[in-house]
Amino acid sequence: MNDWRNPWNGYGGPPPTRGQSYDDVPYPSLSRFSQSSSQNRQPPPSVIPGRLVNTPDEIRAQEIPMDGTLSLFPQRDLTCIHAYQWATDHVETVRYVPEIRQQKGSGITQADTDELKSALFDRLDKIEVTLTQLAAASTVGNGQKPNKKEEKASG
């Protein structure tokens, strides 16, 4: 006889009423279980085998999968990462050292910046004076009067 409380052992509903047998009561449909489990099934999350180590001597061969997948073992101080992978007859090892980019100061002080600005403005002033002199010499040398636009610009 089936136990009505165990849905996987025959009939999964309440016991039949008087005058009814287990054969008269229909089984529940299992199609909802098979559809929902196949539709909602997600692939397992990808995990890289490995763990934090203090030294590479702590890594045991049993911790490296024999299916050829890569195992990563970062050092606790994050100075490097040890990568291990089984080849056909041996374990291949690679050590990755992170590139450390330090932002160095430019070495230019505020006094240097001020000195550079003043030198730049002095050169620009000299260029402006030279251009003004050339423009004046070209108009006077030809004996022509400067245009009204040039007068406004210089005046």
N, C-alpha and C. Protein backbone atom coordinates (compact mmCIF):
# COMPACT_ATOMS: atom_id res chain seq x y z
N MET A 1 0.83 -1.17 0.00
CA MET A 1 0.00 0.00 0.00
C MET A 1 0.88 1.24 0.00
N ASN A 2 0.48 2.28 -0.71
CA ASN A 2 1.26 3.50 -0.84
C ASN A 2 0.97 4.45 0.31
N ASP A 3 1.98 5.19 0.71
CA ASP A 3 1.82 6.20 1.75
C ASP A 3 1.44 7.51 1.08
N TRP A 4 0.32 8.10 1.43
CA TRP A 4 -0.19 9.29 0.76
C TRP A 4 0.64 10.53 1.06
N ARG A 5 1.48 10.50 2.10
CA ARG A 5 2.30 11.67 2.43
C ARG A 5 3.58 11.73 1.62
N ASN A 6 3.96 10.68 0.97
CA ASN A 6 5.18 10.64 0.17
C ASN A 6 4.80 10.74 -1.30
N PRO A 7 5.00 11.91 -1.95
CA PRO A 7 4.58 12.05 -3.34
C PRO A 7 5.41 11.23 -4.31
N TRP A 8 6.57 10.76 -3.92
CA TRP A 8 7.41 9.99 -4.84
C TRP A 8 7.19 8.48 -4.69
N ASN A 9 6.33 8.12 -3.81
CA ASN A 9 6.05 6.70 -3.62
C ASN A 9 4.60 6.43 -4.02
N GLY A 10 4.35 6.50 -5.30
CA GLY A 10 3.00 6.23 -5.78
C GLY A 10 2.14 7.47 -5.75
N TYR A 11 0.92 7.34 -5.32
CA TYR A 11 -0.05 8.41 -5.34
C TYR A 11 0.37 9.52 -4.38
N GLY A 12 0.24 10.78 -4.79
CA GLY A 12 0.71 11.89 -3.98
C GLY A 12 -0.40 12.69 -3.35
N GLY A 13 -1.62 12.26 -3.41
CA GLY A 13 -2.71 13.04 -2.83
C GLY A 13 -3.20 12.43 -1.54
N PRO A 14 -4.31 12.94 -1.01
CA PRO A 14 -4.85 12.38 0.23
C PRO A 14 -5.40 10.98 -0.01
N PRO A 15 -5.59 10.24 1.05
CA PRO A 15 -6.11 8.88 0.86
C PRO A 15 -7.52 8.93 0.28
N PRO A 16 -7.87 7.92 -0.45
CA PRO A 16 -9.21 7.91 -1.05
C PRO A 16 -10.30 7.87 0.02
N THR A 17 -11.46 8.38 -0.35
CA THR A 17 -12.60 8.38 0.58
C THR A 17 -13.24 7.00 0.59
N ARG A 18 -14.28 6.82 1.42
CA ARG A 18 -14.95 5.52 1.49
C ARG A 18 -15.55 5.15 0.16
N GLY A 19 -15.39 3.96 -0.19
CA GLY A 19 -15.93 3.45 -1.44
C GLY A 19 -15.02 3.74 -2.62
N GLN A 20 -13.87 4.36 -2.40
CA GLN A 20 -12.95 4.72 -3.47
C GLN A 20 -11.63 4.01 -3.17
N SER A 21 -10.99 3.51 -4.20
CA SER A 21 -9.69 2.86 -4.00
C SER A 21 -8.60 3.75 -4.61
N TYR A 22 -7.35 3.37 -4.38
CA TYR A 22 -6.23 4.13 -4.95
C TYR A 22 -6.28 4.08 -6.47
N ASP A 23 -6.82 3.06 -7.04
CA ASP A 23 -6.90 2.94 -8.49
C ASP A 23 -7.90 3.93 -9.09
N ASP A 24 -8.91 4.34 -8.31
CA ASP A 24 -9.92 5.26 -8.81
C ASP A 24 -9.44 6.73 -8.80
N VAL A 25 -8.45 7.05 -7.97
CA VAL A 25 -7.96 8.42 -7.86
C VAL A 25 -6.82 8.62 -8.85
N PRO A 26 -6.91 9.64 -9.73
CA PRO A 26 -5.84 9.83 -10.74
C PRO A 26 -4.56 10.36 -10.10
N TYR A 27 -3.44 9.98 -10.69
CA TYR A 27 -2.14 10.49 -10.26
C TYR A 27 -1.99 11.94 -10.70
N PRO A 28 -1.31 12.74 -9.93
CA PRO A 28 -1.08 14.12 -10.39
C PRO A 28 -0.13 14.12 -11.58
N SER A 29 -0.25 15.13 -12.41
CA SER A 29 0.59 15.24 -13.60
C SER A 29 2.00 15.63 -13.20
N LEU A 30 2.97 14.90 -13.72
CA LEU A 30 4.37 15.20 -13.43
C LEU A 30 4.98 16.08 -14.51
N SER A 31 4.20 16.44 -15.53
CA SER A 31 4.76 17.24 -16.61
C SER A 31 5.19 18.62 -16.12
N ARG A 32 4.51 19.15 -15.13
CA ARG A 32 4.90 20.47 -14.63
C ARG A 32 6.26 20.42 -13.95
N PHE A 33 6.60 19.28 -13.36
CA PHE A 33 7.91 19.17 -12.73
C PHE A 33 9.02 19.07 -13.76
N SER A 34 8.82 18.31 -14.80
CA SER A 34 9.87 18.13 -15.80
C SER A 34 10.07 19.40 -16.62
N GLN A 35 9.00 20.15 -16.92
CA GLN A 35 9.14 21.37 -17.70
C GLN A 35 9.81 22.46 -16.88
N SER A 36 9.38 22.63 -15.66
CA SER A 36 9.93 23.72 -14.87
C SER A 36 11.40 23.49 -14.54
N SER A 37 11.78 22.25 -14.31
CA SER A 37 13.17 22.00 -13.96
C SER A 37 14.08 22.18 -15.16
N SER A 38 13.60 21.86 -16.38
CA SER A 38 14.46 22.03 -17.55
C SER A 38 14.50 23.47 -18.00
N GLN A 39 13.43 24.23 -17.78
CA GLN A 39 13.41 25.62 -18.22
C GLN A 39 14.18 26.52 -17.26
N ASN A 40 14.12 26.25 -16.00
CA ASN A 40 14.76 27.11 -15.01
C ASN A 40 16.18 26.70 -14.69
N ARG A 41 16.63 25.63 -15.28
CA ARG A 41 17.97 25.15 -14.97
C ARG A 41 19.00 26.09 -15.56
N GLN A 42 19.89 26.58 -14.72
CA GLN A 42 20.94 27.49 -15.17
C GLN A 42 22.26 26.76 -15.11
N PRO A 43 23.17 27.16 -16.01
CA PRO A 43 24.48 26.51 -15.94
C PRO A 43 25.17 26.88 -14.63
N PRO A 44 25.96 25.99 -14.12
CA PRO A 44 26.65 26.29 -12.86
C PRO A 44 27.60 27.47 -13.06
N PRO A 45 27.80 28.28 -12.04
CA PRO A 45 28.70 29.43 -12.19
C PRO A 45 30.12 28.97 -12.46
N SER A 46 30.82 29.70 -13.30
CA SER A 46 32.19 29.33 -13.60
C SER A 46 33.08 29.75 -12.44
N VAL A 47 33.88 28.83 -11.98
CA VAL A 47 34.75 29.05 -10.83
C VAL A 47 36.15 28.67 -11.24
N ILE A 48 37.08 29.52 -10.91
CA ILE A 48 38.49 29.21 -11.16
C ILE A 48 39.04 28.56 -9.90
N PRO A 49 39.53 27.32 -10.01
CA PRO A 49 40.05 26.66 -8.82
C PRO A 49 41.30 27.38 -8.30
N GLY A 50 41.48 27.32 -7.00
CA GLY A 50 42.65 27.91 -6.38
C GLY A 50 42.31 28.48 -5.02
N ARG A 51 43.29 29.11 -4.41
CA ARG A 51 43.10 29.71 -3.09
C ARG A 51 44.26 30.66 -2.82
N LEU A 52 44.13 31.45 -1.77
CA LEU A 52 45.21 32.34 -1.35
C LEU A 52 46.31 31.53 -0.66
N VAL A 53 47.54 31.85 -0.98
CA VAL A 53 48.68 31.15 -0.36
C VAL A 53 49.69 32.18 0.13
N ASN A 54 50.50 31.75 1.09
CA ASN A 54 51.59 32.61 1.56
C ASN A 54 52.83 32.42 0.70
N THR A 55 53.11 31.17 0.35
CA THR A 55 54.24 30.84 -0.51
C THR A 55 53.79 29.76 -1.49
N PRO A 56 54.47 29.63 -2.62
CA PRO A 56 54.10 28.57 -3.57
C PRO A 56 54.35 27.17 -3.03
N ASP A 57 55.12 27.05 -1.96
CA ASP A 57 55.36 25.73 -1.37
C ASP A 57 54.11 25.14 -0.74
N GLU A 58 53.12 25.98 -0.41
CA GLU A 58 51.88 25.51 0.20
C GLU A 58 50.96 24.80 -0.80
N ILE A 59 51.17 24.98 -2.08
CA ILE A 59 50.28 24.43 -3.11
C ILE A 59 50.56 22.94 -3.25
N ARG A 60 49.49 22.14 -3.14
CA ARG A 60 49.62 20.69 -3.27
C ARG A 60 49.14 20.25 -4.64
N ALA A 61 49.63 19.15 -5.10
CA ALA A 61 49.25 18.63 -6.43
C ALA A 61 47.77 18.27 -6.48
N GLN A 62 47.17 17.89 -5.37
CA GLN A 62 45.77 17.51 -5.33
C GLN A 62 44.86 18.72 -5.61
N GLU A 63 45.37 19.92 -5.41
CA GLU A 63 44.56 21.12 -5.62
C GLU A 63 44.49 21.55 -7.08
N ILE A 64 45.26 20.91 -7.93
CA ILE A 64 45.29 21.25 -9.35
C ILE A 64 44.44 20.23 -10.10
N PRO A 65 43.35 20.66 -10.76
CA PRO A 65 42.50 19.71 -11.47
C PRO A 65 43.26 19.03 -12.61
N MET A 66 42.99 17.73 -12.77
CA MET A 66 43.70 16.96 -13.78
C MET A 66 43.02 17.03 -15.14
N ASP A 67 41.95 17.83 -15.27
CA ASP A 67 41.28 17.93 -16.56
C ASP A 67 41.88 19.01 -17.46
N GLY A 68 42.97 19.62 -17.03
CA GLY A 68 43.63 20.62 -17.85
C GLY A 68 43.20 22.04 -17.59
N THR A 69 42.28 22.25 -16.65
CA THR A 69 41.87 23.62 -16.35
C THR A 69 42.94 24.32 -15.53
N LEU A 70 42.92 25.62 -15.60
CA LEU A 70 43.92 26.44 -14.94
C LEU A 70 43.53 26.70 -13.50
N SER A 71 44.48 26.63 -12.59
CA SER A 71 44.27 26.95 -11.18
C SER A 71 45.11 28.15 -10.83
N LEU A 72 44.50 29.11 -10.14
CA LEU A 72 45.22 30.33 -9.77
C LEU A 72 45.39 30.40 -8.26
N PHE A 73 46.60 30.72 -7.85
CA PHE A 73 46.93 30.81 -6.44
C PHE A 73 47.59 32.17 -6.17
N PRO A 74 46.79 33.20 -5.86
CA PRO A 74 47.40 34.50 -5.53
C PRO A 74 48.05 34.46 -4.16
N GLN A 75 49.15 35.17 -4.03
CA GLN A 75 49.79 35.28 -2.73
C GLN A 75 48.99 36.27 -1.89
N ARG A 76 49.01 36.05 -0.59
CA ARG A 76 48.22 36.89 0.32
C ARG A 76 48.58 38.37 0.24
N ASP A 77 49.84 38.67 -0.02
CA ASP A 77 50.26 40.08 -0.11
C ASP A 77 50.04 40.64 -1.51
N LEU A 78 49.48 39.85 -2.42
CA LEU A 78 49.15 40.23 -3.79
C LEU A 78 50.35 40.71 -4.59
N THR A 79 51.52 40.16 -4.29
CA THR A 79 52.70 40.51 -5.06
C THR A 79 52.78 39.72 -6.35
N CYS A 80 52.17 38.52 -6.37
CA CYS A 80 52.18 37.73 -7.60
C CYS A 80 51.04 36.70 -7.56
N ILE A 81 50.79 36.11 -8.71
CA ILE A 81 49.78 35.05 -8.84
C ILE A 81 50.47 33.86 -9.48
N HIS A 82 50.33 32.71 -8.85
CA HIS A 82 50.91 31.48 -9.38
C HIS A 82 49.81 30.73 -10.14
N ALA A 83 50.06 30.39 -11.38
CA ALA A 83 49.10 29.66 -12.20
C ALA A 83 49.65 28.26 -12.46
N TYR A 84 48.82 27.26 -12.18
CA TYR A 84 49.22 25.86 -12.36
C TYR A 84 48.22 25.17 -13.28
N GLN A 85 48.74 24.27 -14.13
CA GLN A 85 47.89 23.52 -15.05
C GLN A 85 48.58 22.20 -15.38
N TRP A 86 47.78 21.14 -15.36
CA TRP A 86 48.33 19.84 -15.71
C TRP A 86 48.53 19.75 -17.21
N ALA A 87 49.69 19.35 -17.64
CA ALA A 87 49.95 19.01 -19.03
C ALA A 87 49.84 17.49 -19.12
N THR A 88 50.30 16.90 -20.19
CA THR A 88 50.15 15.45 -20.36
C THR A 88 50.89 14.66 -19.29
N ASP A 89 52.09 15.07 -18.92
CA ASP A 89 52.85 14.28 -17.95
C ASP A 89 53.47 15.11 -16.83
N HIS A 90 53.17 16.40 -16.79
CA HIS A 90 53.74 17.25 -15.75
C HIS A 90 52.82 18.45 -15.48
N VAL A 91 53.18 19.20 -14.47
CA VAL A 91 52.41 20.40 -14.11
C VAL A 91 53.18 21.62 -14.64
N GLU A 92 52.48 22.44 -15.43
CA GLU A 92 53.09 23.67 -15.93
C GLU A 92 52.80 24.79 -14.95
N THR A 93 53.81 25.62 -14.72
CA THR A 93 53.70 26.69 -13.75
C THR A 93 54.07 28.01 -14.41
N VAL A 94 53.25 29.03 -14.13
CA VAL A 94 53.56 30.38 -14.60
C VAL A 94 53.35 31.32 -13.42
N ARG A 95 54.24 32.27 -13.28
CA ARG A 95 54.13 33.26 -12.21
C ARG A 95 53.83 34.61 -12.84
N TYR A 96 52.71 35.20 -12.46
CA TYR A 96 52.30 36.52 -12.95
C TYR A 96 52.61 37.56 -11.88
N VAL A 97 53.32 38.60 -12.29
CA VAL A 97 53.63 39.69 -11.38
C VAL A 97 52.90 40.92 -11.90
N PRO A 98 52.07 41.55 -11.07
CA PRO A 98 51.31 42.71 -11.55
C PRO A 98 52.23 43.89 -11.84
N GLU A 99 51.87 44.61 -12.89
CA GLU A 99 52.62 45.81 -13.24
C GLU A 99 52.16 46.94 -12.32
N ILE A 100 53.10 47.51 -11.64
CA ILE A 100 52.77 48.58 -10.70
C ILE A 100 53.11 49.91 -11.36
N ARG A 101 52.08 50.69 -11.55
CA ARG A 101 52.28 52.01 -12.16
C ARG A 101 52.17 53.05 -11.05
N GLN A 102 53.28 53.62 -10.75
CA GLN A 102 53.29 54.64 -9.71
C GLN A 102 53.22 56.00 -10.38
N GLN A 103 52.35 56.84 -9.87
CA GLN A 103 52.27 58.18 -10.41
C GLN A 103 53.35 59.02 -9.74
N LYS A 104 54.30 59.38 -10.55
CA LYS A 104 55.40 60.19 -10.02
C LYS A 104 55.04 61.65 -10.17
N GLY A 105 55.49 62.43 -9.23
CA GLY A 105 55.27 63.87 -9.29
C GLY A 105 56.02 64.44 -10.49
N SER A 106 55.48 65.50 -11.06
CA SER A 106 56.11 66.08 -12.25
C SER A 106 57.41 66.78 -11.90
N GLY A 107 57.64 67.09 -10.62
CA GLY A 107 58.87 67.74 -10.23
C GLY A 107 58.87 69.23 -10.49
N ILE A 108 57.77 69.77 -10.96
CA ILE A 108 57.67 71.21 -11.24
C ILE A 108 56.99 71.87 -10.05
N THR A 109 57.66 72.87 -9.48
CA THR A 109 57.10 73.58 -8.35
C THR A 109 56.32 74.79 -8.83
N GLN A 110 55.65 75.45 -7.91
CA GLN A 110 54.88 76.65 -8.27
C GLN A 110 55.81 77.76 -8.74
N ALA A 111 57.00 77.85 -8.15
CA ALA A 111 57.97 78.88 -8.56
C ALA A 111 58.41 78.64 -10.00
N ASP A 112 58.63 77.37 -10.36
CA ASP A 112 59.00 77.05 -11.74
C ASP A 112 57.87 77.42 -12.69
N THR A 113 56.63 77.15 -12.30
CA THR A 113 55.48 77.48 -13.14
C THR A 113 55.36 78.98 -13.34
N ASP A 114 55.53 79.74 -12.27
CA ASP A 114 55.46 81.20 -12.38
C ASP A 114 56.56 81.74 -13.28
N GLU A 115 57.76 81.19 -13.14
CA GLU A 115 58.89 81.62 -13.97
C GLU A 115 58.63 81.30 -15.44
N LEU A 116 58.07 80.14 -15.69
CA LEU A 116 57.76 79.75 -17.07
C LEU A 116 56.69 80.67 -17.66
N LYS A 117 55.68 81.00 -16.88
CA LYS A 117 54.62 81.90 -17.35
C LYS A 117 55.18 83.28 -17.71
N SER A 118 56.02 83.81 -16.82
CA SER A 118 56.56 85.14 -17.08
C SER A 118 57.46 85.13 -18.33
N ALA A 119 58.26 84.09 -18.51
CA ALA A 119 59.10 84.00 -19.70
C ALA A 119 58.25 83.90 -20.96
N LEU A 120 57.16 83.14 -20.88
CA LEU A 120 56.27 82.99 -22.03
C LEU A 120 55.58 84.30 -22.38
N PHE A 121 55.10 85.01 -21.38
CA PHE A 121 54.44 86.29 -21.64
C PHE A 121 55.43 87.33 -22.17
N ASP A 122 56.67 87.31 -21.69
CA ASP A 122 57.69 88.22 -22.23
C ASP A 122 57.93 87.96 -23.71
N ARG A 123 58.02 86.69 -24.08
CA ARG A 123 58.23 86.35 -25.50
C ARG A 123 57.04 86.78 -26.34
N LEU A 124 55.83 86.57 -25.82
CA LEU A 124 54.63 86.98 -26.56
C LEU A 124 54.58 88.50 -26.73
N ASP A 125 54.98 89.25 -25.70
CA ASP A 125 55.02 90.70 -25.79
C ASP A 125 56.01 91.14 -26.87
N LYS A 126 57.19 90.49 -26.92
CA LYS A 126 58.19 90.83 -27.95
C LYS A 126 57.66 90.54 -29.35
N ILE A 127 56.96 89.41 -29.49
CA ILE A 127 56.39 89.06 -30.80
C ILE A 127 55.34 90.09 -31.19
N GLU A 128 54.53 90.51 -30.26
CA GLU A 128 53.49 91.50 -30.55
C GLU A 128 54.10 92.84 -30.97
N VAL A 129 55.14 93.27 -30.28
CA VAL A 129 55.81 94.53 -30.63
C VAL A 129 56.42 94.43 -32.03
N THR A 130 57.05 93.30 -32.32
CA THR A 130 57.66 93.12 -33.63
C THR A 130 56.62 93.14 -34.73
N LEU A 131 55.52 92.47 -34.54
CA LEU A 131 54.46 92.45 -35.55
C LEU A 131 53.85 93.83 -35.74
N THR A 132 53.68 94.57 -34.68
CA THR A 132 53.13 95.93 -34.78
C THR A 132 54.10 96.82 -35.55
N GLN A 133 55.38 96.69 -35.29
CA GLN A 133 56.38 97.49 -36.00
C GLN A 133 56.41 97.13 -37.48
N LEU A 134 56.32 95.86 -37.81
CA LEU A 134 56.32 95.42 -39.21
C LEU A 134 55.08 95.93 -39.94
N ALA A 135 53.95 95.89 -39.28
CA ALA A 135 52.72 96.37 -39.89
C ALA A 135 52.79 97.86 -40.13
N ALA A 136 53.33 98.61 -39.17
CA ALA A 136 53.45 100.06 -39.32
C ALA A 136 54.45 100.40 -40.41
N ALA A 137 55.56 99.66 -40.48
CA ALA A 137 56.58 99.93 -41.49
C ALA A 137 56.06 99.62 -42.89
N SER A 138 55.28 98.60 -43.04
CA SER A 138 54.77 98.26 -44.38
C SER A 138 53.75 99.27 -44.87
N THR A 139 52.95 99.86 -44.02
CA THR A 139 51.97 100.84 -44.46
C THR A 139 52.60 102.20 -44.69
N VAL A 140 53.55 102.60 -43.86
CA VAL A 140 54.20 103.90 -44.02
C VAL A 140 55.19 103.86 -45.17
N GLY A 141 55.86 102.75 -45.35
CA GLY A 141 56.87 102.62 -46.40
C GLY A 141 56.25 102.71 -47.78
N ASN A 142 55.04 102.32 -47.95
CA ASN A 142 54.38 102.38 -49.26
C ASN A 142 53.76 103.75 -49.51
N GLY A 143 53.71 104.61 -48.49
CA GLY A 143 53.12 105.91 -48.64
C GLY A 143 51.61 105.87 -48.66
N GLN A 144 51.05 104.78 -48.24
CA GLN A 144 49.60 104.66 -48.22
C GLN A 144 49.10 104.89 -46.81
N LYS A 145 47.87 105.35 -46.76
CA LYS A 145 47.25 105.52 -45.46
C LYS A 145 46.72 104.17 -44.99
N PRO A 146 46.79 103.93 -43.70
CA PRO A 146 46.23 102.68 -43.21
C PRO A 146 44.72 102.66 -43.36
N ASN A 147 44.19 101.48 -43.55
CA ASN A 147 42.74 101.32 -43.67
C ASN A 147 42.06 101.69 -42.37
N LYS A 148 40.78 101.96 -42.43
CA LYS A 148 40.01 102.28 -41.23
C LYS A 148 39.99 101.09 -40.27
N LYS A 149 39.95 99.89 -40.83
CA LYS A 149 39.96 98.69 -39.98
C LYS A 149 41.29 98.58 -39.23
N GLU A 150 42.41 98.89 -39.89
CA GLU A 150 43.70 98.83 -39.24
C GLU A 150 43.83 99.90 -38.19
N GLU A 151 43.25 101.09 -38.44
CA GLU A 151 43.30 102.16 -37.44
C GLU A 151 42.55 101.75 -36.18
N LYS A 152 41.37 101.13 -36.37
CA LYS A 152 40.59 100.70 -35.22
C LYS A 152 41.33 99.61 -34.44
N ALA A 153 41.98 98.71 -35.17
CA ALA A 153 42.67 97.61 -34.51
C ALA A 153 43.88 98.11 -33.74
N SER A 154 44.59 99.08 -34.28
CA SER A 154 45.79 99.57 -33.59
C SER A 154 45.46 100.62 -32.55
N GLY A 155 44.31 101.28 -32.71
CA GLY A 155 43.97 102.41 -31.84
C GLY A 155 43.19 102.01 -30.70
